Protein backbone atom coordinates (compact mmCIF):
# COMPACT_ATOMS: atom_id res chain seq x y z
CA UNK A 1 -13.12 -13.07 15.61
CA UNK A 2 -13.85 -10.39 13.06
CA UNK A 3 -15.03 -11.43 9.60
CA UNK A 4 -14.47 -9.13 6.63
CA UNK A 5 -16.89 -9.06 3.71
CA UNK A 6 -15.53 -7.97 0.34
CA UNK A 7 -17.79 -7.09 -2.59
CA UNK A 8 -17.76 -5.22 -5.89
CA UNK A 9 -20.32 -3.60 -8.08
CA UNK A 10 -19.70 -2.09 -11.50
CA UNK A 11 -17.75 0.91 -10.21
CA UNK A 12 -16.66 0.36 -6.62
CA UNK A 13 -15.54 -2.07 -3.92
CA UNK A 14 -16.50 -2.28 -0.29
CA UNK A 15 -15.11 -3.98 2.78
CA UNK A 16 -17.46 -4.52 5.70
CA UNK A 17 -16.78 -6.15 9.06
CA UNK A 18 -19.01 -8.31 11.23
CA UNK A 19 -18.23 -9.95 14.57
CA UNK A 20 -19.79 -13.34 13.79
CA UNK A 21 -19.72 -15.69 10.82
CA UNK A 22 -23.53 -15.77 10.76
CA UNK A 23 -23.78 -11.97 10.57
CA UNK A 24 -21.16 -11.88 7.81
CA UNK A 25 -23.03 -14.52 5.78
CA UNK A 26 -26.32 -12.63 6.19
CA UNK A 27 -24.74 -9.37 4.94
CA UNK A 28 -23.04 -11.21 2.05
CA UNK A 29 -26.41 -12.62 0.95
CA UNK A 30 -27.97 -9.15 1.17
CA UNK A 31 -25.21 -7.68 -0.98
CA UNK A 32 -25.58 -10.42 -3.58
CA UNK A 33 -29.35 -9.84 -3.68
CA UNK A 34 -28.67 -6.13 -4.31
CA UNK A 35 -26.50 -6.96 -7.33
CA UNK A 36 -23.02 -6.81 -5.81
CA UNK A 37 -20.69 -9.51 -7.15
CA UNK A 38 -17.41 -11.17 -6.19
CA UNK A 39 -18.80 -11.26 -2.64
CA UNK A 40 -16.51 -13.14 -0.29
CA UNK A 41 -15.90 -13.48 3.43
CA UNK A 42 -12.47 -13.71 5.06
CA UNK A 43 -11.80 -14.33 8.74
CA UNK A 44 -8.64 -12.26 8.92
CA UNK A 45 -7.47 -9.40 6.74
CA UNK A 46 -3.78 -8.73 6.38
CA UNK A 47 -2.65 -5.11 6.60
CA UNK A 48 -1.00 -5.37 3.19
CA UNK A 49 -4.28 -6.44 1.60
CA UNK A 50 -6.10 -3.42 3.02
CA UNK A 51 -3.42 -1.13 1.59
CA UNK A 52 -3.71 -2.78 -1.81
CA UNK A 53 -7.50 -2.35 -1.80
CA UNK A 54 -7.16 1.32 -0.87
CA UNK A 55 -4.65 1.91 -3.66
CA UNK A 56 -6.90 0.20 -6.20
CA UNK A 57 -9.90 2.23 -5.02
CA UNK A 58 -8.01 5.53 -5.29
CA UNK A 59 -6.98 4.73 -8.88
CA UNK A 60 -10.55 4.09 -9.98
CA UNK A 61 -11.87 7.44 -8.67
């Protein structure tokens, strides 16, 4: 099952994917250590949520 990692910094958002929960947790810790915040992991991402994230990202550019 794919795990999606969501994170924000002061100006942007990212969504990363990992195949295992362990790999997702490792990347989430790395992002937090680098100063990213609102780091979270979801097991499934709905298509609507991806569209909403893209719209939000395009408005901030």
